[in-house]
Amino acid sequence: MIDLGKGPEDMGSYSYKSFYEFASAIAISRVYGGIHTRHAMEEGTKQGIKTAQNIDSKVKFRKV
């Protein structure tokens, strides 16, 4: 078994004004982390927005 230690220490907290702002922060963090290139991040974001718009146009959610 691998010892992961205590995990990350307190890294603070974040708040976002919108889901789009949250998604953008995640996308750019993947570039900074070397997981994706900037081009891949930009294209993936465009594709994600189109996917979300398609779902939103077809699925109606009930307000609670």
PDB file of N, CA and C in Angstrom:
ATOM      1  N   MET A   1       0.836  -1.172   0.000  1.00  0.00           N
ATOM      2  CA  MET A   1       0.000   0.000   0.000  1.00  0.00           C
ATOM      3  C   MET A   1       0.884   1.240   0.000  1.00  0.00           C
ATOM      4  N   ILE A   2       0.477   2.264  -0.705  1.00  0.00           N
ATOM      5  CA  ILE A   2       1.248   3.499  -0.803  1.00  0.00           C
ATOM      6  C   ILE A   2       0.839   4.446   0.312  1.00  0.00           C
ATOM      7  N   ASP A   3       1.847   5.006   0.988  1.00  0.00           N
ATOM      8  CA  ASP A   3       1.565   5.987   2.030  1.00  0.00           C
ATOM      9  C   ASP A   3       1.433   7.363   1.386  1.00  0.00           C
ATOM     10  N   LEU A   4       0.248   7.916   1.425  1.00  0.00           N
ATOM     11  CA  LEU A   4       0.007   9.231   0.842  1.00  0.00           C
ATOM     12  C   LEU A   4       0.190  10.356   1.856  1.00  0.00           C
ATOM     13  N   GLY A   5       0.578  10.012   3.053  1.00  0.00           N
ATOM     14  CA  GLY A   5       0.764  11.035   4.078  1.00  0.00           C
ATOM     15  C   GLY A   5      -0.566  11.642   4.487  1.00  0.00           C
ATOM     16  N   LYS A   6      -0.521  12.868   4.932  1.00  0.00           N
ATOM     17  CA  LYS A   6      -1.727  13.543   5.370  1.00  0.00           C
ATOM     18  C   LYS A   6      -2.460  14.221   4.225  1.00  0.00           C
ATOM     19  N   GLY A   7      -1.899  14.225   3.052  1.00  0.00           N
ATOM     20  CA  GLY A   7      -2.519  14.937   1.940  1.00  0.00           C
ATOM     21  C   GLY A   7      -2.145  16.405   1.999  1.00  0.00           C
ATOM     22  N   PRO A   8      -2.733  17.204   1.133  1.00  0.00           N
ATOM     23  CA  PRO A   8      -2.369  18.620   1.118  1.00  0.00           C
ATOM     24  C   PRO A   8      -2.801  19.333   2.396  1.00  0.00           C
ATOM     25  N   GLU A   9      -1.995  20.265   2.799  1.00  0.00           N
ATOM     26  CA  GLU A   9      -2.361  21.096   3.951  1.00  0.00           C
ATOM     27  C   GLU A   9      -3.450  22.062   3.507  1.00  0.00           C
ATOM     28  N   ASP A  10      -3.881  22.910   4.405  1.00  0.00           N
ATOM     29  CA  ASP A  10      -4.928  23.873   4.084  1.00  0.00           C
ATOM     30  C   ASP A  10      -4.485  24.735   2.901  1.00  0.00           C
ATOM     31  N   MET A  11      -5.212  24.638   1.826  1.00  0.00           N
ATOM     32  CA  MET A  11      -4.866  25.392   0.620  1.00  0.00           C
ATOM     33  C   MET A  11      -5.821  26.565   0.427  1.00  0.00           C
ATOM     34  N   GLY A  12      -6.562  26.912   1.452  1.00  0.00           N
ATOM     35  CA  GLY A  12      -7.493  28.025   1.355  1.00  0.00           C
ATOM     36  C   GLY A  12      -8.789  27.603   0.690  1.00  0.00           C
ATOM     37  N   SER A  13      -9.591  28.573   0.386  1.00  0.00           N
ATOM     38  CA  SER A  13     -10.851  28.284  -0.278  1.00  0.00           C
ATOM     39  C   SER A  13     -11.043  29.265  -1.431  1.00  0.00           C
ATOM     40  N   TYR A  14     -11.872  28.893  -2.336  1.00  0.00           N
ATOM     41  CA  TYR A  14     -12.145  29.697  -3.514  1.00  0.00           C
ATOM     42  C   TYR A  14     -13.642  29.882  -3.651  1.00  0.00           C
ATOM     43  N   SER A  15     -14.029  30.979  -4.260  1.00  0.00           N
ATOM     44  CA  SER A  15     -15.437  31.165  -4.592  1.00  0.00           C
ATOM     45  C   SER A  15     -15.496  31.738  -6.003  1.00  0.00           C
ATOM     46  N   TYR A  16     -16.534  31.389  -6.704  1.00  0.00           N
ATOM     47  CA  TYR A  16     -16.695  31.794  -8.092  1.00  0.00           C
ATOM     48  C   TYR A  16     -18.065  32.416  -8.290  1.00  0.00           C
ATOM     49  N   LYS A  17     -18.149  33.361  -9.188  1.00  0.00           N
ATOM     50  CA  LYS A  17     -19.414  34.051  -9.453  1.00  0.00           C
ATOM     51  C   LYS A  17     -20.315  33.265 -10.394  1.00  0.00           C
ATOM     52  N   SER A  18     -19.727  32.322 -11.140  1.00  0.00           N
ATOM     53  CA  SER A  18     -20.514  31.544 -12.091  1.00  0.00           C
ATOM     54  C   SER A  18     -19.842  30.197 -12.332  1.00  0.00           C
ATOM     55  N   PHE A  19     -20.610  29.296 -12.908  1.00  0.00           N
ATOM     56  CA  PHE A  19     -20.041  27.994 -13.260  1.00  0.00           C
ATOM     57  C   PHE A  19     -18.981  28.170 -14.347  1.00  0.00           C
ATOM     58  N   TYR A  20     -19.206  29.122 -15.265  1.00  0.00           N
ATOM     59  CA  TYR A  20     -18.243  29.384 -16.340  1.00  0.00           C
ATOM     60  C   TYR A  20     -16.897  29.829 -15.748  1.00  0.00           C
ATOM     61  N   GLU A  21     -16.933  30.701 -14.746  1.00  0.00           N
ATOM     62  CA  GLU A  21     -15.700  31.161 -14.102  1.00  0.00           C
ATOM     63  C   GLU A  21     -14.976  29.991 -13.435  1.00  0.00           C
ATOM     64  N   PHE A  22     -15.745  29.120 -12.797  1.00  0.00           N
ATOM     65  CA  PHE A  22     -15.191  27.918 -12.163  1.00  0.00           C
ATOM     66  C   PHE A  22     -14.532  26.999 -13.199  1.00  0.00           C
ATOM     67  N   ALA A  23     -15.248  26.748 -14.302  1.00  0.00           N
ATOM     68  CA  ALA A  23     -14.719  25.871 -15.352  1.00  0.00           C
ATOM     69  C   ALA A  23     -13.461  26.461 -15.980  1.00  0.00           C
ATOM     70  N   SER A  24     -13.423  27.772 -16.149  1.00  0.00           N
ATOM     71  CA  SER A  24     -12.240  28.428 -16.725  1.00  0.00           C
ATOM     72  C   SER A  24     -11.023  28.259 -15.822  1.00  0.00           C
ATOM     73  N   ALA A  25     -11.233  28.370 -14.515  1.00  0.00           N
ATOM     74  CA  ALA A  25     -10.130  28.195 -13.570  1.00  0.00           C
ATOM     75  C   ALA A  25      -9.586  26.768 -13.632  1.00  0.00           C
ATOM     76  N   ILE A  26     -10.470  25.803 -13.750  1.00  0.00           N
ATOM     77  CA  ILE A  26     -10.035  24.413 -13.857  1.00  0.00           C
ATOM     78  C   ILE A  26      -9.271  24.194 -15.165  1.00  0.00           C
ATOM     79  N   ALA A  27      -9.794  24.753 -16.248  1.00  0.00           N
ATOM     80  CA  ALA A  27      -9.152  24.571 -17.555  1.00  0.00           C
ATOM     81  C   ALA A  27      -7.734  25.139 -17.562  1.00  0.00           C
ATOM     82  N   ILE A  28      -7.551  26.352 -17.077  1.00  0.00           N
ATOM     83  CA  ILE A  28      -6.215  26.959 -17.107  1.00  0.00           C
ATOM     84  C   ILE A  28      -5.267  26.247 -16.152  1.00  0.00           C
ATOM     85  N   SER A  29      -5.805  25.676 -15.064  1.00  0.00           N
ATOM     86  CA  SER A  29      -4.930  24.948 -14.143  1.00  0.00           C
ATOM     87  C   SER A  29      -4.334  23.717 -14.818  1.00  0.00           C
ATOM     88  N   ARG A  30      -5.046  23.134 -15.770  1.00  0.00           N
ATOM     89  CA  ARG A  30      -4.530  21.965 -16.492  1.00  0.00           C
ATOM     90  C   ARG A  30      -3.395  22.352 -17.425  1.00  0.00           C
ATOM     91  N   VAL A  31      -3.433  23.583 -17.932  1.00  0.00           N
ATOM     92  CA  VAL A  31      -2.318  24.081 -18.750  1.00  0.00           C
ATOM     93  C   VAL A  31      -1.104  24.313 -17.850  1.00  0.00           C
ATOM     94  N   TYR A  32      -1.331  24.998 -16.726  1.00  0.00           N
ATOM     95  CA  TYR A  32      -0.233  25.274 -15.797  1.00  0.00           C
ATOM     96  C   TYR A  32       0.388  23.987 -15.264  1.00  0.00           C
ATOM     97  N   GLY A  33      -0.441  22.958 -15.088  1.00  0.00           N
ATOM     98  CA  GLY A  33       0.058  21.681 -14.576  1.00  0.00           C
ATOM     99  C   GLY A  33       0.734  20.820 -15.626  1.00  0.00           C
ATOM    100  N   GLY A  34       0.713  21.272 -16.887  1.00  0.00           N
ATOM    101  CA  GLY A  34       1.361  20.518 -17.961  1.00  0.00           C
ATOM    102  C   GLY A  34       0.532  19.349 -18.464  1.00  0.00           C
ATOM    103  N   ILE A  35      -0.750  19.299 -18.109  1.00  0.00           N
ATOM    104  CA  ILE A  35      -1.605  18.195 -18.532  1.00  0.00           C
ATOM    105  C   ILE A  35      -2.098  18.408 -19.959  1.00  0.00           C
ATOM    106  N   HIS A  36      -2.415  19.674 -20.302  1.00  0.00           N
ATOM    107  CA  HIS A  36      -2.908  20.009 -21.638  1.00  0.00           C
ATOM    108  C   HIS A  36      -2.157  21.208 -22.190  1.00  0.00           C
ATOM    109  N   THR A  37      -2.199  21.356 -23.506  1.00  0.00           N
ATOM    110  CA  THR A  37      -1.663  22.562 -24.134  1.00  0.00           C
ATOM    111  C   THR A  37      -2.747  23.636 -24.100  1.00  0.00           C
ATOM    112  N   ARG A  38      -2.355  24.869 -24.322  1.00  0.00           N
ATOM    113  CA  ARG A  38      -3.321  25.963 -24.332  1.00  0.00           C
ATOM    114  C   ARG A  38      -4.347  25.754 -25.434  1.00  0.00           C
ATOM    115  N   HIS A  39      -3.903  25.310 -26.609  1.00  0.00           N
ATOM    116  CA  HIS A  39      -4.829  25.066 -27.722  1.00  0.00           C
ATOM    117  C   HIS A  39      -5.866  24.001 -27.337  1.00  0.00           C
ATOM    118  N   ALA A  40      -5.398  22.916 -26.724  1.00  0.00           N
ATOM    119  CA  ALA A  40      -6.324  21.849 -26.316  1.00  0.00           C
ATOM    120  C   ALA A  40      -7.320  22.366 -25.289  1.00  0.00           C
ATOM    121  N   MET A  41      -6.851  23.211 -24.371  1.00  0.00           N
ATOM    122  CA  MET A  41      -7.741  23.777 -23.357  1.00  0.00           C
ATOM    123  C   MET A  41      -8.792  24.668 -24.008  1.00  0.00           C
ATOM    124  N   GLU A  42      -8.385  25.520 -24.934  1.00  0.00           N
ATOM    125  CA  GLU A  42      -9.330  26.429 -25.594  1.00  0.00           C
ATOM    126  C   GLU A  42     -10.363  25.657 -26.412  1.00  0.00           C
ATOM    127  N   GLU A  43      -9.909  24.670 -27.163  1.00  0.00           N
ATOM    128  CA  GLU A  43     -10.840  23.874 -27.981  1.00  0.00           C
ATOM    129  C   GLU A  43     -11.762  23.032 -27.105  1.00  0.00           C
ATOM    130  N   GLY A  44     -11.224  22.472 -26.033  1.00  0.00           N
ATOM    131  CA  GLY A  44     -12.047  21.680 -25.119  1.00  0.00           C
ATOM    132  C   GLY A  44     -13.100  22.526 -24.431  1.00  0.00           C
ATOM    133  N   THR A  45     -12.750  23.763 -24.098  1.00  0.00           N
ATOM    134  CA  THR A  45     -13.706  24.672 -23.485  1.00  0.00           C
ATOM    135  C   THR A  45     -14.835  24.995 -24.460  1.00  0.00           C
ATOM    136  N   LYS A  46     -14.487  25.267 -25.711  1.00  0.00           N
ATOM    137  CA  LYS A  46     -15.510  25.538 -26.738  1.00  0.00           C
ATOM    138  C   LYS A  46     -16.445  24.337 -26.884  1.00  0.00           C
ATOM    139  N   GLN A  47     -15.864  23.153 -26.945  1.00  0.00           N
ATOM    140  CA  GLN A  47     -16.659  21.940 -27.098  1.00  0.00           C
ATOM    141  C   GLN A  47     -17.560  21.725 -25.876  1.00  0.00           C
ATOM    142  N   GLY A  48     -17.037  21.988 -24.676  1.00  0.00           N
ATOM    143  CA  GLY A  48     -17.830  21.836 -23.465  1.00  0.00           C
ATOM    144  C   GLY A  48     -19.009  22.799 -23.420  1.00  0.00           C
ATOM    145  N   ILE A  49     -18.782  24.033 -23.871  1.00  0.00           N
ATOM    146  CA  ILE A  49     -19.867  25.019 -23.898  1.00  0.00           C
ATOM    147  C   ILE A  49     -20.953  24.578 -24.869  1.00  0.00           C
ATOM    148  N   LYS A  50     -20.560  24.111 -26.047  1.00  0.00           N
ATOM    149  CA  LYS A  50     -21.548  23.635 -27.028  1.00  0.00           C
ATOM    150  C   LYS A  50     -22.324  22.437 -26.496  1.00  0.00           C
ATOM    151  N   THR A  51     -21.641  21.536 -25.815  1.00  0.00           N
ATOM    152  CA  THR A  51     -22.302  20.368 -25.243  1.00  0.00           C
ATOM    153  C   THR A  51     -23.317  20.793 -24.187  1.00  0.00           C
ATOM    154  N   ALA A  52     -22.920  21.719 -23.310  1.00  0.00           N
ATOM    155  CA  ALA A  52     -23.819  22.194 -22.264  1.00  0.00           C
ATOM    156  C   ALA A  52     -25.035  22.902 -22.857  1.00  0.00           C
ATOM    157  N   GLN A  53     -24.823  23.710 -23.909  1.00  0.00           N
ATOM    158  CA  GLN A  53     -25.937  24.400 -24.557  1.00  0.00           C
ATOM    159  C   GLN A  53     -26.894  23.399 -25.192  1.00  0.00           C
ATOM    160  N   ASN A  54     -26.358  22.350 -25.786  1.00  0.00           N
ATOM    161  CA  ASN A  54     -27.190  21.311 -26.410  1.00  0.00           C
ATOM    162  C   ASN A  54     -28.034  20.608 -25.350  1.00  0.00           C
ATOM    163  N   ILE A  55     -27.423  20.254 -24.245  1.00  0.00           N
ATOM    164  CA  ILE A  55     -28.158  19.595 -23.163  1.00  0.00           C
ATOM    165  C   ILE A  55     -29.224  20.537 -22.611  1.00  0.00           C
ATOM    166  N   ASP A  56     -28.847  21.800 -22.387  1.00  0.00           N
ATOM    167  CA  ASP A  56     -29.782  22.775 -21.820  1.00  0.00           C
ATOM    168  C   ASP A  56     -30.987  22.998 -22.727  1.00  0.00           C
ATOM    169  N   SER A  57     -30.788  22.888 -24.041  1.00  0.00           N
ATOM    170  CA  SER A  57     -31.905  23.095 -24.972  1.00  0.00           C
ATOM    171  C   SER A  57     -32.862  21.898 -25.007  1.00  0.00           C
ATOM    172  N   LYS A  58     -32.395  20.741 -24.530  1.00  0.00           N
ATOM    173  CA  LYS A  58     -33.207  19.522 -24.620  1.00  0.00           C
ATOM    174  C   LYS A  58     -33.760  19.044 -23.283  1.00  0.00           C
ATOM    175  N   VAL A  59     -33.115  19.412 -22.206  1.00  0.00           N
ATOM    176  CA  VAL A  59     -33.523  18.931 -20.897  1.00  0.00           C
ATOM    177  C   VAL A  59     -34.072  20.100 -20.094  1.00  0.00           C
ATOM    178  N   LYS A  60     -35.241  19.926 -19.559  1.00  0.00           N
ATOM    179  CA  LYS A  60     -35.841  20.970 -18.729  1.00  0.00           C
ATOM    180  C   LYS A  60     -35.799  20.511 -17.280  1.00  0.00           C
ATOM    181  N   PHE A  61     -35.152  21.280 -16.456  1.00  0.00           N
ATOM    182  CA  PHE A  61     -35.023  20.948 -15.045  1.00  0.00           C
ATOM    183  C   PHE A  61     -36.129  21.621 -14.246  1.00  0.00           C
ATOM    184  N   ARG A  62     -36.617  20.921 -13.251  1.00  0.00           N
ATOM    185  CA  ARG A  62     -37.634  21.487 -12.375  1.00  0.00           C
ATOM    186  C   ARG A  62     -36.972  22.385 -11.345  1.00  0.00           C
ATOM    187  N   LYS A  63     -37.604  23.501 -11.055  1.00  0.00           N
ATOM    188  CA  LYS A  63     -37.113  24.361  -9.984  1.00  0.00           C
ATOM    189  C   LYS A  63     -37.616  23.807  -8.668  1.00  0.00           C
ATOM    190  N   VAL A  64     -36.768  23.772  -7.696  1.00  0.00           N
ATOM    191  CA  VAL A  64     -37.118  23.222  -6.389  1.00  0.00           C
ATOM    192  C   VAL A  64     -37.391  24.335  -5.415  1.00  0.00           C
TER     193      VAL A  64
END
